[in-house]
Amino acid sequence: MKQLNLFVLTMMLLMCLPSANAQNAQTKKNAQDSVSAKIWDGDYGEIMPQFPGGDKALLEYIKKNLRYPTEAMTKCIQGRVIVSFNVETDGSITDAKVVKVVDSLLNDEALRIVKSMPKWKPGGMMSKGKTVLTRCKYTIPIIFKLDEKKYLPLQRGNQLKTK
């Protein structure tokens, strides 16, 4: 008899839990709806900084100004250096640093390119129809890749080192 009472009590508790969870989930959903309505109510938004001329112009700038270090070529070093920097409210580049290290030769060249960039169009926030310029962090990859057909025959014995 005691086991039957325990079974009935357990079943009643289990039947109550789903309805409590459903109410809790509905309350959370309503709270999320009201929060998202507040966030998107009005005209708010984020404006990312932009290189003059856009992404294609940025790629062309890197391609045109990249000077593959001679020592890195002779050692067959290649890879992707990731550089992070701030775009200030006046569009200037500050605090450039290598986030993903490949080799000091390639890292230095990637930093040189980023530090020599022209002023960017600054980023900011749209708030009630007005743009408020802010400092924005930006990260770009700079890829150093050797043409295997051109450089490998010259190396005789060196193997391409990719990081």
N, C-alpha and C. Protein backbone atom coordinates (compact mmCIF):
# COMPACT_ATOMS: atom_id res chain seq x y z
N MET A 1 0.82 -1.19 0.00
CA MET A 1 0.00 0.00 0.00
C MET A 1 0.87 1.27 0.00
N LYS A 2 1.94 1.20 0.81
CA LYS A 2 2.84 2.34 0.90
C LYS A 2 3.50 2.61 -0.46
N GLN A 3 3.85 1.53 -1.18
CA GLN A 3 4.46 1.68 -2.50
C GLN A 3 3.48 2.27 -3.50
N LEU A 4 2.21 1.91 -3.41
CA LEU A 4 1.19 2.44 -4.30
C LEU A 4 1.00 3.93 -4.08
N ASN A 5 0.97 4.35 -2.79
CA ASN A 5 0.84 5.78 -2.48
C ASN A 5 2.04 6.57 -3.02
N LEU A 6 3.23 6.00 -2.87
CA LEU A 6 4.44 6.65 -3.37
C LEU A 6 4.40 6.76 -4.90
N PHE A 7 3.90 5.71 -5.56
CA PHE A 7 3.77 5.73 -7.01
C PHE A 7 2.79 6.80 -7.46
N VAL A 8 1.63 6.89 -6.83
CA VAL A 8 0.60 7.88 -7.17
C VAL A 8 1.15 9.30 -6.95
N LEU A 9 1.84 9.51 -5.84
CA LEU A 9 2.41 10.83 -5.53
C LEU A 9 3.46 11.22 -6.58
N THR A 10 4.29 10.27 -6.98
CA THR A 10 5.32 10.52 -8.00
C THR A 10 4.67 10.87 -9.33
N MET A 11 3.63 10.16 -9.71
CA MET A 11 2.94 10.43 -10.97
C MET A 11 2.30 11.81 -10.97
N MET A 12 1.73 12.21 -9.83
CA MET A 12 1.09 13.53 -9.74
C MET A 12 2.15 14.63 -9.89
N LEU A 13 3.30 14.44 -9.28
CA LEU A 13 4.38 15.42 -9.41
C LEU A 13 4.87 15.53 -10.84
N LEU A 14 5.03 14.38 -11.49
CA LEU A 14 5.48 14.38 -12.88
C LEU A 14 4.48 15.06 -13.80
N MET A 15 3.20 14.92 -13.50
CA MET A 15 2.17 15.56 -14.33
C MET A 15 2.17 17.08 -14.13
N CYS A 16 2.55 17.53 -12.96
CA CYS A 16 2.57 18.97 -12.68
C CYS A 16 3.79 19.65 -13.29
N LEU A 17 4.92 18.96 -13.38
CA LEU A 17 6.16 19.57 -13.87
C LEU A 17 6.07 20.10 -15.29
N PRO A 18 5.54 19.33 -16.25
CA PRO A 18 5.49 19.86 -17.62
C PRO A 18 4.69 21.16 -17.72
N SER A 19 3.59 21.28 -16.99
CA SER A 19 2.80 22.51 -17.08
C SER A 19 3.56 23.68 -16.46
N ALA A 20 4.31 23.43 -15.39
CA ALA A 20 5.12 24.50 -14.80
C ALA A 20 6.22 24.92 -15.76
N ASN A 21 6.85 23.92 -16.41
CA ASN A 21 7.90 24.24 -17.38
C ASN A 21 7.32 24.99 -18.58
N ALA A 22 6.13 24.60 -19.02
CA ALA A 22 5.50 25.27 -20.15
C ALA A 22 5.19 26.72 -19.80
N GLN A 23 4.69 26.95 -18.56
CA GLN A 23 4.41 28.32 -18.13
C GLN A 23 5.70 29.13 -18.06
N ASN A 24 6.75 28.51 -17.52
CA ASN A 24 8.04 29.18 -17.40
C ASN A 24 8.59 29.51 -18.79
N ALA A 25 8.48 28.59 -19.73
CA ALA A 25 8.96 28.82 -21.09
C ALA A 25 8.16 29.94 -21.75
N GLN A 26 6.85 29.97 -21.53
CA GLN A 26 6.00 31.03 -22.10
C GLN A 26 6.39 32.39 -21.51
N THR A 27 6.66 32.43 -20.21
CA THR A 27 7.08 33.68 -19.56
C THR A 27 8.40 34.15 -20.14
N LYS A 28 9.37 33.22 -20.33
CA LYS A 28 10.66 33.57 -20.92
C LYS A 28 10.47 34.09 -22.34
N LYS A 29 9.60 33.44 -23.13
CA LYS A 29 9.37 33.86 -24.51
C LYS A 29 8.79 35.26 -24.54
N ASN A 30 7.81 35.54 -23.67
CA ASN A 30 7.22 36.88 -23.62
C ASN A 30 8.26 37.92 -23.23
N ALA A 31 9.14 37.57 -22.29
CA ALA A 31 10.19 38.49 -21.86
C ALA A 31 11.15 38.76 -23.02
N GLN A 32 11.52 37.71 -23.77
CA GLN A 32 12.42 37.89 -24.92
C GLN A 32 11.77 38.75 -25.98
N ASP A 33 10.45 38.54 -26.22
CA ASP A 33 9.75 39.34 -27.22
C ASP A 33 9.77 40.81 -26.84
N SER A 34 9.55 41.10 -25.55
CA SER A 34 9.52 42.50 -25.14
C SER A 34 10.91 43.12 -25.21
N VAL A 35 11.96 42.34 -24.88
CA VAL A 35 13.32 42.85 -24.97
C VAL A 35 13.68 43.14 -26.41
N SER A 36 13.40 42.19 -27.31
CA SER A 36 13.76 42.41 -28.71
C SER A 36 12.95 43.56 -29.29
N ALA A 37 11.73 43.75 -28.83
CA ALA A 37 10.94 44.87 -29.32
C ALA A 37 11.57 46.18 -28.89
N LYS A 38 12.13 46.22 -27.68
CA LYS A 38 12.78 47.44 -27.20
C LYS A 38 14.07 47.69 -27.97
N ILE A 39 14.81 46.62 -28.26
CA ILE A 39 16.08 46.79 -28.97
C ILE A 39 15.83 47.30 -30.38
N TRP A 40 14.87 46.74 -31.07
CA TRP A 40 14.66 47.08 -32.47
C TRP A 40 13.63 48.19 -32.66
N ASP A 41 13.04 48.68 -31.58
CA ASP A 41 12.09 49.78 -31.68
C ASP A 41 12.85 51.08 -31.93
N GLY A 42 12.54 51.78 -32.97
CA GLY A 42 13.25 53.02 -33.28
C GLY A 42 14.31 52.76 -34.33
N ASP A 43 15.24 53.72 -34.48
CA ASP A 43 16.22 53.46 -35.52
C ASP A 43 17.62 53.44 -34.95
N TYR A 44 17.97 52.26 -34.50
CA TYR A 44 19.26 51.97 -33.90
C TYR A 44 20.01 50.99 -34.79
N GLY A 45 21.31 51.06 -34.78
CA GLY A 45 22.09 50.09 -35.55
C GLY A 45 23.56 50.38 -35.44
N GLU A 46 24.34 49.40 -35.84
CA GLU A 46 25.79 49.53 -35.78
C GLU A 46 26.33 49.74 -37.18
N ILE A 47 27.27 50.65 -37.30
CA ILE A 47 27.90 50.93 -38.58
C ILE A 47 29.36 50.50 -38.46
N MET A 48 29.77 49.54 -39.28
CA MET A 48 31.14 49.05 -39.23
C MET A 48 32.07 50.00 -39.98
N PRO A 49 33.34 50.10 -39.53
CA PRO A 49 34.29 50.92 -40.27
C PRO A 49 34.54 50.31 -41.65
N GLN A 50 34.96 51.16 -42.59
CA GLN A 50 35.15 50.66 -43.95
C GLN A 50 36.40 51.27 -44.57
N PHE A 51 37.17 50.42 -45.23
CA PHE A 51 38.34 50.88 -45.97
C PHE A 51 37.84 51.74 -47.14
N PRO A 52 38.56 52.82 -47.48
CA PRO A 52 38.11 53.66 -48.61
C PRO A 52 37.98 52.83 -49.89
N GLY A 53 36.78 52.74 -50.41
CA GLY A 53 36.55 51.95 -51.62
C GLY A 53 35.98 50.57 -51.34
N GLY A 54 35.89 50.20 -50.07
CA GLY A 54 35.28 48.92 -49.71
C GLY A 54 36.27 47.77 -49.60
N ASP A 55 35.71 46.56 -49.48
CA ASP A 55 36.51 45.35 -49.27
C ASP A 55 37.41 45.03 -50.46
N LYS A 56 36.91 45.24 -51.68
CA LYS A 56 37.73 44.96 -52.86
C LYS A 56 38.95 45.87 -52.88
N ALA A 57 38.74 47.13 -52.52
CA ALA A 57 39.85 48.09 -52.50
C ALA A 57 40.87 47.70 -51.42
N LEU A 58 40.39 47.17 -50.30
CA LEU A 58 41.28 46.71 -49.23
C LEU A 58 42.15 45.56 -49.74
N LEU A 59 41.55 44.59 -50.41
CA LEU A 59 42.31 43.47 -50.96
C LEU A 59 43.33 43.94 -51.98
N GLU A 60 42.93 44.88 -52.82
CA GLU A 60 43.86 45.43 -53.82
C GLU A 60 45.02 46.17 -53.14
N TYR A 61 44.71 46.91 -52.08
CA TYR A 61 45.74 47.65 -51.36
C TYR A 61 46.77 46.68 -50.78
N ILE A 62 46.28 45.61 -50.16
CA ILE A 62 47.20 44.62 -49.56
C ILE A 62 48.04 43.97 -50.66
N LYS A 63 47.38 43.58 -51.75
CA LYS A 63 48.08 42.92 -52.86
C LYS A 63 49.16 43.83 -53.45
N LYS A 64 48.84 45.09 -53.61
CA LYS A 64 49.76 46.05 -54.22
C LYS A 64 50.94 46.38 -53.31
N ASN A 65 50.69 46.47 -52.00
CA ASN A 65 51.71 46.92 -51.06
C ASN A 65 52.46 45.81 -50.34
N LEU A 66 52.03 44.57 -50.52
CA LEU A 66 52.69 43.45 -49.85
C LEU A 66 54.08 43.23 -50.44
N ARG A 67 55.08 43.25 -49.58
CA ARG A 67 56.46 42.94 -49.99
C ARG A 67 56.85 41.66 -49.25
N TYR A 68 56.80 40.56 -49.95
CA TYR A 68 57.13 39.27 -49.34
C TYR A 68 58.60 39.33 -48.91
N PRO A 69 58.89 39.14 -47.62
CA PRO A 69 60.28 39.21 -47.17
C PRO A 69 61.16 38.19 -47.89
N THR A 70 62.28 38.65 -48.40
CA THR A 70 63.19 37.79 -49.18
C THR A 70 63.66 36.60 -48.35
N GLU A 71 63.99 36.87 -47.10
CA GLU A 71 64.46 35.78 -46.23
C GLU A 71 63.37 34.73 -46.02
N ALA A 72 62.11 35.18 -45.92
CA ALA A 72 60.99 34.24 -45.78
C ALA A 72 60.83 33.41 -47.05
N MET A 73 61.09 34.03 -48.21
CA MET A 73 61.01 33.28 -49.48
C MET A 73 62.10 32.22 -49.54
N THR A 74 63.33 32.59 -49.16
CA THR A 74 64.43 31.62 -49.24
C THR A 74 64.23 30.47 -48.26
N LYS A 75 63.55 30.75 -47.14
CA LYS A 75 63.27 29.70 -46.16
C LYS A 75 61.94 29.01 -46.44
N CYS A 76 61.27 29.44 -47.50
CA CYS A 76 59.97 28.86 -47.90
C CYS A 76 58.93 28.96 -46.78
N ILE A 77 58.85 30.11 -46.14
CA ILE A 77 57.87 30.30 -45.05
C ILE A 77 56.64 30.97 -45.64
N GLN A 78 55.49 30.41 -45.33
CA GLN A 78 54.22 30.99 -45.77
C GLN A 78 53.16 30.74 -44.71
N GLY A 79 52.05 31.44 -44.80
CA GLY A 79 50.96 31.25 -43.85
C GLY A 79 50.04 32.45 -43.78
N ARG A 80 49.11 32.40 -42.83
CA ARG A 80 48.11 33.45 -42.66
C ARG A 80 48.38 34.17 -41.35
N VAL A 81 48.69 35.46 -41.45
CA VAL A 81 48.90 36.30 -40.27
C VAL A 81 47.59 37.05 -40.04
N ILE A 82 47.08 36.98 -38.82
CA ILE A 82 45.85 37.70 -38.50
C ILE A 82 46.21 38.90 -37.65
N VAL A 83 45.79 40.08 -38.13
CA VAL A 83 46.12 41.34 -37.47
C VAL A 83 44.85 42.00 -36.97
N SER A 84 44.89 42.47 -35.74
CA SER A 84 43.77 43.18 -35.13
C SER A 84 44.20 44.63 -34.90
N PHE A 85 43.28 45.56 -35.08
CA PHE A 85 43.60 46.97 -34.89
C PHE A 85 42.32 47.75 -34.59
N ASN A 86 42.50 48.97 -34.12
CA ASN A 86 41.37 49.86 -33.85
C ASN A 86 41.26 50.88 -34.97
N VAL A 87 40.04 51.18 -35.37
CA VAL A 87 39.78 52.28 -36.28
C VAL A 87 39.19 53.39 -35.41
N GLU A 88 39.93 54.48 -35.28
CA GLU A 88 39.52 55.58 -34.42
C GLU A 88 38.40 56.39 -35.07
N THR A 89 37.85 57.35 -34.33
CA THR A 89 36.74 58.15 -34.83
C THR A 89 37.15 59.06 -35.99
N ASP A 90 38.46 59.32 -36.12
CA ASP A 90 38.93 60.11 -37.27
C ASP A 90 39.35 59.22 -38.44
N GLY A 91 39.21 57.89 -38.30
CA GLY A 91 39.54 56.95 -39.36
C GLY A 91 40.96 56.42 -39.30
N SER A 92 41.78 56.91 -38.37
CA SER A 92 43.17 56.45 -38.28
C SER A 92 43.24 55.06 -37.64
N ILE A 93 44.33 54.36 -37.92
CA ILE A 93 44.57 53.01 -37.41
C ILE A 93 45.47 53.10 -36.18
N THR A 94 45.06 52.46 -35.08
CA THR A 94 45.89 52.43 -33.86
C THR A 94 45.89 51.02 -33.28
N ASP A 95 46.82 50.79 -32.40
CA ASP A 95 46.92 49.52 -31.64
C ASP A 95 46.93 48.28 -32.52
N ALA A 96 47.65 48.34 -33.63
CA ALA A 96 47.75 47.17 -34.51
C ALA A 96 48.62 46.12 -33.84
N LYS A 97 48.12 44.89 -33.81
CA LYS A 97 48.90 43.79 -33.23
C LYS A 97 48.55 42.48 -33.93
N VAL A 98 49.52 41.59 -33.93
CA VAL A 98 49.33 40.28 -34.55
C VAL A 98 48.59 39.39 -33.56
N VAL A 99 47.49 38.82 -34.02
CA VAL A 99 46.69 37.93 -33.18
C VAL A 99 47.09 36.48 -33.42
N LYS A 100 47.40 36.14 -34.69
CA LYS A 100 47.87 34.79 -35.02
C LYS A 100 49.26 34.93 -35.63
N VAL A 101 50.22 34.41 -34.91
CA VAL A 101 51.62 34.51 -35.30
C VAL A 101 51.98 33.39 -36.27
N VAL A 102 52.75 33.73 -37.33
CA VAL A 102 53.27 32.73 -38.25
C VAL A 102 54.79 32.68 -38.12
N ASP A 103 55.44 33.79 -38.43
CA ASP A 103 56.89 33.93 -38.35
C ASP A 103 57.15 35.42 -38.18
N SER A 104 58.21 35.77 -37.47
CA SER A 104 58.47 37.18 -37.20
C SER A 104 58.62 37.99 -38.49
N LEU A 105 59.19 37.39 -39.54
CA LEU A 105 59.35 38.09 -40.82
C LEU A 105 57.99 38.44 -41.43
N LEU A 106 57.08 37.47 -41.44
CA LEU A 106 55.76 37.70 -42.01
C LEU A 106 54.91 38.59 -41.10
N ASN A 107 55.05 38.41 -39.79
CA ASN A 107 54.30 39.23 -38.84
C ASN A 107 54.65 40.70 -39.01
N ASP A 108 55.95 41.00 -39.12
CA ASP A 108 56.40 42.39 -39.27
C ASP A 108 55.86 43.00 -40.55
N GLU A 109 55.85 42.24 -41.63
CA GLU A 109 55.34 42.76 -42.91
C GLU A 109 53.84 43.02 -42.83
N ALA A 110 53.10 42.13 -42.18
CA ALA A 110 51.65 42.32 -42.03
C ALA A 110 51.37 43.59 -41.21
N LEU A 111 52.12 43.79 -40.14
CA LEU A 111 51.95 45.00 -39.32
C LEU A 111 52.30 46.25 -40.13
N ARG A 112 53.34 46.18 -40.93
CA ARG A 112 53.75 47.32 -41.75
C ARG A 112 52.62 47.73 -42.70
N ILE A 113 52.01 46.74 -43.33
CA ILE A 113 50.92 47.02 -44.26
C ILE A 113 49.75 47.69 -43.54
N VAL A 114 49.35 47.13 -42.40
CA VAL A 114 48.20 47.68 -41.66
C VAL A 114 48.50 49.10 -41.18
N LYS A 115 49.69 49.32 -40.65
CA LYS A 115 50.04 50.66 -40.14
C LYS A 115 50.16 51.70 -41.25
N SER A 116 50.41 51.26 -42.48
CA SER A 116 50.57 52.20 -43.59
C SER A 116 49.25 52.47 -44.33
N MET A 117 48.17 51.87 -43.89
CA MET A 117 46.87 52.05 -44.57
C MET A 117 46.42 53.50 -44.48
N PRO A 118 45.70 53.96 -45.51
CA PRO A 118 45.11 55.30 -45.42
C PRO A 118 43.99 55.31 -44.39
N LYS A 119 43.50 56.49 -44.06
CA LYS A 119 42.41 56.58 -43.09
C LYS A 119 41.17 55.87 -43.61
N TRP A 120 40.52 55.18 -42.70
CA TRP A 120 39.29 54.46 -43.01
C TRP A 120 38.09 55.38 -42.79
N LYS A 121 36.95 54.96 -43.31
CA LYS A 121 35.68 55.60 -42.96
C LYS A 121 35.32 55.04 -41.58
N PRO A 122 35.24 55.87 -40.55
CA PRO A 122 35.04 55.35 -39.19
C PRO A 122 33.67 54.69 -39.00
N GLY A 123 33.61 53.84 -37.99
CA GLY A 123 32.37 53.17 -37.65
C GLY A 123 31.66 53.91 -36.53
N GLY A 124 30.49 53.44 -36.18
CA GLY A 124 29.75 54.08 -35.11
C GLY A 124 28.43 53.41 -34.85
N MET A 125 27.57 54.14 -34.18
CA MET A 125 26.25 53.64 -33.83
C MET A 125 25.21 54.63 -34.34
N MET A 126 24.11 54.09 -34.86
CA MET A 126 22.97 54.93 -35.22
C MET A 126 22.05 54.97 -34.02
N SER A 127 21.71 56.16 -33.59
CA SER A 127 20.81 56.29 -32.46
C SER A 127 19.83 57.42 -32.73
N LYS A 128 18.58 57.07 -32.89
CA LYS A 128 17.51 58.04 -33.13
C LYS A 128 17.83 58.97 -34.29
N GLY A 129 18.30 58.40 -35.38
CA GLY A 129 18.56 59.17 -36.58
C GLY A 129 19.90 59.88 -36.63
N LYS A 130 20.69 59.78 -35.58
CA LYS A 130 22.00 60.43 -35.55
C LYS A 130 23.09 59.37 -35.51
N THR A 131 24.20 59.66 -36.18
CA THR A 131 25.34 58.74 -36.16
C THR A 131 26.32 59.22 -35.10
N VAL A 132 26.66 58.33 -34.18
CA VAL A 132 27.65 58.62 -33.15
C VAL A 132 28.88 57.80 -33.49
N LEU A 133 29.97 58.47 -33.87
CA LEU A 133 31.19 57.76 -34.24
C LEU A 133 31.84 57.16 -33.00
N THR A 134 32.34 55.93 -33.14
CA THR A 134 33.00 55.25 -32.03
C THR A 134 34.25 54.54 -32.53
N ARG A 135 35.16 54.28 -31.59
CA ARG A 135 36.34 53.46 -31.91
C ARG A 135 35.86 52.04 -32.12
N CYS A 136 36.32 51.41 -33.19
CA CYS A 136 35.91 50.04 -33.50
C CYS A 136 37.14 49.15 -33.67
N LYS A 137 37.03 47.94 -33.18
CA LYS A 137 38.10 46.95 -33.37
C LYS A 137 37.81 46.20 -34.66
N TYR A 138 38.87 45.97 -35.43
CA TYR A 138 38.73 45.31 -36.72
C TYR A 138 39.84 44.28 -36.83
N THR A 139 39.56 43.14 -37.44
CA THR A 139 40.55 42.07 -37.60
C THR A 139 40.56 41.62 -39.05
N ILE A 140 41.77 41.49 -39.61
CA ILE A 140 41.89 41.02 -41.00
C ILE A 140 42.98 39.96 -41.10
N PRO A 141 42.79 39.01 -42.01
CA PRO A 141 43.86 38.05 -42.31
C PRO A 141 44.71 38.57 -43.46
N ILE A 142 46.02 38.38 -43.37
CA ILE A 142 46.91 38.69 -44.47
C ILE A 142 47.62 37.38 -44.81
N ILE A 143 47.39 36.90 -46.03
CA ILE A 143 47.88 35.58 -46.42
C ILE A 143 49.16 35.72 -47.24
N PHE A 144 50.17 34.99 -46.79
CA PHE A 144 51.46 34.93 -47.50
C PHE A 144 51.55 33.54 -48.11
N LYS A 145 51.53 33.47 -49.44
CA LYS A 145 51.58 32.18 -50.11
C LYS A 145 52.56 32.26 -51.27
N LEU A 146 53.48 31.32 -51.29
CA LEU A 146 54.47 31.25 -52.37
C LEU A 146 53.93 30.43 -53.52
N ASP A 147 54.29 30.81 -54.72
CA ASP A 147 53.95 30.05 -55.91
C ASP A 147 54.90 28.85 -55.96
N GLU A 148 54.36 27.68 -55.72
CA GLU A 148 55.20 26.47 -55.62
C GLU A 148 55.99 26.21 -56.88
N LYS A 149 55.41 26.46 -58.04
CA LYS A 149 56.11 26.20 -59.30
C LYS A 149 57.28 27.16 -59.51
N LYS A 150 57.12 28.38 -59.00
CA LYS A 150 58.14 29.40 -59.21
C LYS A 150 59.27 29.31 -58.19
N TYR A 151 58.93 29.05 -56.92
CA TYR A 151 59.93 29.12 -55.86
C TYR A 151 60.53 27.78 -55.45
N LEU A 152 59.80 26.69 -55.59
CA LEU A 152 60.33 25.40 -55.17
C LEU A 152 61.53 24.94 -55.99
N PRO A 153 61.51 25.08 -57.30
CA PRO A 153 62.70 24.65 -58.05
C PRO A 153 63.96 25.43 -57.65
N LEU A 154 63.80 26.68 -57.24
CA LEU A 154 64.95 27.49 -56.83
C LEU A 154 65.50 27.07 -55.48
N GLN A 155 64.64 26.46 -54.66
CA GLN A 155 65.02 26.16 -53.28
C GLN A 155 65.87 24.89 -53.15
N ARG A 156 65.71 23.94 -53.99
CA ARG A 156 66.46 22.69 -53.99
C ARG A 156 66.71 22.15 -52.56
N GLY A 157 65.81 21.39 -52.10
CA GLY A 157 65.98 20.77 -50.79
C GLY A 157 65.12 21.41 -49.71
N ASN A 158 64.79 22.67 -49.84
CA ASN A 158 63.89 23.30 -48.85
C ASN A 158 62.47 22.84 -49.13
N GLN A 159 61.70 22.61 -48.07
CA GLN A 159 60.31 22.27 -48.23
C GLN A 159 59.48 23.45 -47.76
N LEU A 160 58.34 23.65 -48.40
CA LEU A 160 57.48 24.75 -47.99
C LEU A 160 57.03 24.53 -46.56
N LYS A 161 57.15 25.58 -45.76
CA LYS A 161 56.72 25.51 -44.37
C LYS A 161 55.46 26.37 -44.24
N THR A 162 54.33 25.73 -44.00
CA THR A 162 53.07 26.46 -43.87
C THR A 162 52.62 26.41 -42.42
N LYS A 163 52.26 27.56 -41.93
CA LYS A 163 51.76 27.64 -40.54
C LYS A 163 50.39 28.23 -40.53
